Amino acid sequence: MKNVMMIDGQRAVIEYDPDIEMFRGEFVGLNGSADFYAKNITGLKHEGKASLKVFLEMCAEEGIEPFKRHSGKFVLRLDPNIHQAATAASKAAGMSLNQWVAKLIQERAAV
């Protein structure tokens, strides 16, 4: 998956900030913000580990659950024409629309 780095089992989205000429990483799936900056990949890994460690320590001190919980359900709004085409594609694949969309998301999210 592009622009995602795994650090100690957690996903971080990476982007380049041309204003400061550094890479910025931000962990996703946390109950708060933990970001980090570096000029290269080695630095990102090092700073990411440090940022995550501090975040987890602070959560432990405050008694806060560090990770977001997901129900497994979400609402998706589509143009009616796309909805119709997706329904036809899912049926052609021998799946329900839910199964078809879940499979596509799983493939793209690299789970």
Foldseek 3Di string as FASTA:
>chain_A
DPQWDAAPNWIWGWDADPVVQWIKIWTPFFPDTFMFIDNDDVRRNVRSNVSVVVQVVVCVVVVHDTGDDDPPDDDDDDDVVVVVVLCVVQVVVVHGSVVSVVVVCCVVVVD
